[in-house]
Protein backbone atom coordinates (compact mmCIF):
# COMPACT_ATOMS: atom_id res chain seq x y z
CA UNK A 1 0.00 0.00 0.00
CA UNK A 2 2.74 2.50 0.94
CA UNK A 3 4.61 1.90 -2.35
CA UNK A 4 2.16 4.12 -4.21
CA UNK A 5 3.50 7.14 -2.28
CA UNK A 6 7.15 6.65 -3.19
CA UNK A 7 8.36 9.18 -5.74
CA UNK A 8 11.03 7.76 -8.01
CA UNK A 9 13.71 10.20 -9.11
CA UNK A 10 17.04 9.75 -10.84
CA UNK A 11 19.73 11.23 -8.65
CA UNK A 12 22.59 13.25 -10.08
CA UNK A 13 25.61 12.64 -7.87
CA UNK A 14 28.93 14.50 -7.84
CA UNK A 15 31.66 12.92 -5.71
CA UNK A 16 34.77 14.74 -4.50
CA UNK A 17 37.56 13.13 -2.50
CA UNK A 18 39.95 14.92 -0.15
CA UNK A 19 43.02 13.77 1.78
CA UNK A 20 42.40 16.26 4.60
CA UNK A 21 39.46 16.56 6.96
CA UNK A 22 38.17 19.99 5.87
CA UNK A 23 35.19 20.01 3.50
CA UNK A 24 36.35 22.43 0.81
CA UNK A 25 35.91 21.53 -2.85
CA UNK A 26 35.70 23.28 -6.19
CA UNK A 27 33.07 22.58 -8.81
CA UNK A 28 33.57 23.15 -12.51
CA UNK A 29 31.19 25.61 -14.18
CA UNK A 30 29.29 22.63 -15.62
CA UNK A 31 29.04 20.88 -12.23
CA UNK A 32 27.88 24.09 -10.55
CA UNK A 33 25.28 24.67 -13.26
CA UNK A 34 23.94 21.12 -12.87
CA UNK A 35 23.83 21.58 -9.10
CA UNK A 36 21.74 24.76 -9.41
CA UNK A 37 19.44 23.47 -12.15
CA UNK A 38 18.70 20.11 -10.50
CA UNK A 39 18.41 20.97 -6.82
CA UNK A 40 15.75 18.33 -6.09
CA UNK A 41 17.76 15.46 -7.54
CA UNK A 42 21.38 16.59 -7.11
CA UNK A 43 23.65 15.32 -4.35
CA UNK A 44 27.15 16.56 -3.62
CA UNK A 45 29.10 13.79 -1.90
CA UNK A 46 32.39 14.77 -0.28
CA UNK A 47 34.71 12.14 1.15
CA UNK A 48 37.30 13.54 3.57
CA UNK A 49 40.32 11.73 5.02
CA UNK A 50 40.37 9.43 1.98
CA UNK A 51 43.81 8.06 2.81
CA UNK A 52 43.08 7.26 6.47
CA UNK A 53 39.57 6.73 7.79
CA UNK A 54 37.20 8.07 5.11
CA UNK A 55 34.27 10.23 6.22
CA UNK A 56 31.35 10.75 3.83
CA UNK A 57 29.27 13.95 3.73
CA UNK A 58 26.19 13.92 1.49
CA UNK A 59 24.77 17.38 0.78
CA UNK A 60 21.27 17.89 -0.58
CA UNK A 61 19.21 21.01 -1.11
CA UNK A 62 16.62 21.93 1.50
CA UNK A 63 13.90 24.09 -0.04
CA UNK A 64 12.53 24.81 3.44
CA UNK A 65 15.87 26.24 4.58
CA UNK A 66 16.98 27.47 1.13
CA UNK A 67 20.44 25.96 1.58
CA UNK A 68 22.54 22.87 0.96
CA UNK A 69 22.83 20.74 4.07
CA UNK A 70 24.38 17.37 4.90
CA UNK A 71 22.60 14.49 6.57
CA UNK A 72 24.34 15.34 9.85
CA UNK A 73 23.53 19.07 9.73
CA UNK A 74 26.62 20.63 8.12
CA UNK A 75 25.62 23.67 6.06
CA UNK A 76 27.43 24.12 2.76
CA UNK A 77 28.68 27.66 2.15
CA UNK A 78 29.04 28.52 -1.53
CA UNK A 79 31.28 31.26 -2.92
CA UNK A 80 30.73 31.62 -6.65
CA UNK A 81 34.02 32.53 -8.34
CA UNK A 82 35.26 33.19 -11.83
CA UNK A 83 38.58 31.67 -12.77
CA UNK A 84 40.98 31.50 -15.67
CA UNK A 85 43.95 29.41 -16.73
CA UNK A 86 46.95 31.41 -17.93
CA UNK A 87 49.96 29.79 -19.54
CA UNK A 88 52.61 30.14 -22.26
C-alpha atoms as a PDB file:
ATOM      1  CA  UNK A   1       0.000   0.000   0.000  1.00  0.00           C
ATOM      2  CA  UNK A   2       2.741   2.502   0.938  1.00  0.00           C
ATOM      3  CA  UNK A   3       4.606   1.899  -2.347  1.00  0.00           C
ATOM      4  CA  UNK A   4       2.159   4.120  -4.210  1.00  0.00           C
ATOM      5  CA  UNK A   5       3.496   7.136  -2.283  1.00  0.00           C
ATOM      6  CA  UNK A   6       7.150   6.647  -3.193  1.00  0.00           C
ATOM      7  CA  UNK A   7       8.355   9.176  -5.739  1.00  0.00           C
ATOM      8  CA  UNK A   8      11.035   7.757  -8.007  1.00  0.00           C
ATOM      9  CA  UNK A   9      13.707  10.199  -9.109  1.00  0.00           C
ATOM     10  CA  UNK A  10      17.037   9.750 -10.837  1.00  0.00           C
ATOM     11  CA  UNK A  11      19.726  11.234  -8.653  1.00  0.00           C
ATOM     12  CA  UNK A  12      22.585  13.248 -10.076  1.00  0.00           C
ATOM     13  CA  UNK A  13      25.612  12.644  -7.873  1.00  0.00           C
ATOM     14  CA  UNK A  14      28.927  14.498  -7.838  1.00  0.00           C
ATOM     15  CA  UNK A  15      31.665  12.922  -5.714  1.00  0.00           C
ATOM     16  CA  UNK A  16      34.770  14.743  -4.500  1.00  0.00           C
ATOM     17  CA  UNK A  17      37.557  13.134  -2.498  1.00  0.00           C
ATOM     18  CA  UNK A  18      39.949  14.918  -0.153  1.00  0.00           C
ATOM     19  CA  UNK A  19      43.018  13.772   1.777  1.00  0.00           C
ATOM     20  CA  UNK A  20      42.400  16.264   4.597  1.00  0.00           C
ATOM     21  CA  UNK A  21      39.458  16.558   6.957  1.00  0.00           C
ATOM     22  CA  UNK A  22      38.175  19.991   5.869  1.00  0.00           C
ATOM     23  CA  UNK A  23      35.190  20.010   3.503  1.00  0.00           C
ATOM     24  CA  UNK A  24      36.348  22.426   0.813  1.00  0.00           C
ATOM     25  CA  UNK A  25      35.913  21.529  -2.853  1.00  0.00           C
ATOM     26  CA  UNK A  26      35.699  23.283  -6.190  1.00  0.00           C
ATOM     27  CA  UNK A  27      33.072  22.577  -8.808  1.00  0.00           C
ATOM     28  CA  UNK A  28      33.569  23.150 -12.507  1.00  0.00           C
ATOM     29  CA  UNK A  29      31.192  25.612 -14.178  1.00  0.00           C
ATOM     30  CA  UNK A  30      29.288  22.631 -15.620  1.00  0.00           C
ATOM     31  CA  UNK A  31      29.043  20.880 -12.229  1.00  0.00           C
ATOM     32  CA  UNK A  32      27.876  24.088 -10.547  1.00  0.00           C
ATOM     33  CA  UNK A  33      25.275  24.670 -13.262  1.00  0.00           C
ATOM     34  CA  UNK A  34      23.940  21.120 -12.868  1.00  0.00           C
ATOM     35  CA  UNK A  35      23.826  21.584  -9.095  1.00  0.00           C
ATOM     36  CA  UNK A  36      21.744  24.759  -9.413  1.00  0.00           C
ATOM     37  CA  UNK A  37      19.440  23.475 -12.150  1.00  0.00           C
ATOM     38  CA  UNK A  38      18.695  20.111 -10.502  1.00  0.00           C
ATOM     39  CA  UNK A  39      18.409  20.967  -6.816  1.00  0.00           C
ATOM     40  CA  UNK A  40      15.751  18.335  -6.095  1.00  0.00           C
ATOM     41  CA  UNK A  41      17.757  15.457  -7.537  1.00  0.00           C
ATOM     42  CA  UNK A  42      21.376  16.588  -7.114  1.00  0.00           C
ATOM     43  CA  UNK A  43      23.654  15.323  -4.354  1.00  0.00           C
ATOM     44  CA  UNK A  44      27.154  16.558  -3.620  1.00  0.00           C
ATOM     45  CA  UNK A  45      29.104  13.795  -1.902  1.00  0.00           C
ATOM     46  CA  UNK A  46      32.390  14.771  -0.276  1.00  0.00           C
ATOM     47  CA  UNK A  47      34.712  12.141   1.154  1.00  0.00           C
ATOM     48  CA  UNK A  48      37.299  13.538   3.565  1.00  0.00           C
ATOM     49  CA  UNK A  49      40.316  11.731   5.019  1.00  0.00           C
ATOM     50  CA  UNK A  50      40.370   9.435   1.977  1.00  0.00           C
ATOM     51  CA  UNK A  51      43.811   8.063   2.806  1.00  0.00           C
ATOM     52  CA  UNK A  52      43.081   7.264   6.471  1.00  0.00           C
ATOM     53  CA  UNK A  53      39.569   6.729   7.792  1.00  0.00           C
ATOM     54  CA  UNK A  54      37.200   8.072   5.113  1.00  0.00           C
ATOM     55  CA  UNK A  55      34.271  10.228   6.219  1.00  0.00           C
ATOM     56  CA  UNK A  56      31.347  10.755   3.828  1.00  0.00           C
ATOM     57  CA  UNK A  57      29.268  13.949   3.727  1.00  0.00           C
ATOM     58  CA  UNK A  58      26.189  13.919   1.488  1.00  0.00           C
ATOM     59  CA  UNK A  59      24.770  17.377   0.783  1.00  0.00           C
ATOM     60  CA  UNK A  60      21.274  17.887  -0.580  1.00  0.00           C
ATOM     61  CA  UNK A  61      19.211  21.010  -1.113  1.00  0.00           C
ATOM     62  CA  UNK A  62      16.621  21.932   1.500  1.00  0.00           C
ATOM     63  CA  UNK A  63      13.903  24.090  -0.041  1.00  0.00           C
ATOM     64  CA  UNK A  64      12.527  24.814   3.442  1.00  0.00           C
ATOM     65  CA  UNK A  65      15.872  26.238   4.578  1.00  0.00           C
ATOM     66  CA  UNK A  66      16.984  27.471   1.131  1.00  0.00           C
ATOM     67  CA  UNK A  67      20.443  25.961   1.581  1.00  0.00           C
ATOM     68  CA  UNK A  68      22.540  22.873   0.965  1.00  0.00           C
ATOM     69  CA  UNK A  69      22.833  20.740   4.073  1.00  0.00           C
ATOM     70  CA  UNK A  70      24.384  17.370   4.899  1.00  0.00           C
ATOM     71  CA  UNK A  71      22.597  14.494   6.571  1.00  0.00           C
ATOM     72  CA  UNK A  72      24.340  15.337   9.851  1.00  0.00           C
ATOM     73  CA  UNK A  73      23.534  19.066   9.729  1.00  0.00           C
ATOM     74  CA  UNK A  74      26.621  20.627   8.118  1.00  0.00           C
ATOM     75  CA  UNK A  75      25.620  23.669   6.061  1.00  0.00           C
ATOM     76  CA  UNK A  76      27.434  24.115   2.759  1.00  0.00           C
ATOM     77  CA  UNK A  77      28.677  27.662   2.148  1.00  0.00           C
ATOM     78  CA  UNK A  78      29.044  28.524  -1.528  1.00  0.00           C
ATOM     79  CA  UNK A  79      31.283  31.261  -2.919  1.00  0.00           C
ATOM     80  CA  UNK A  80      30.733  31.624  -6.647  1.00  0.00           C
ATOM     81  CA  UNK A  81      34.016  32.532  -8.341  1.00  0.00           C
ATOM     82  CA  UNK A  82      35.265  33.186 -11.834  1.00  0.00           C
ATOM     83  CA  UNK A  83      38.576  31.672 -12.773  1.00  0.00           C
ATOM     84  CA  UNK A  84      40.982  31.505 -15.673  1.00  0.00           C
ATOM     85  CA  UNK A  85      43.946  29.411 -16.732  1.00  0.00           C
ATOM     86  CA  UNK A  86      46.953  31.409 -17.931  1.00  0.00           C
ATOM     87  CA  UNK A  87      49.957  29.788 -19.544  1.00  0.00           C
ATOM     88  CA  UNK A  88      52.610  30.141 -22.263  1.00  0.00           C
END
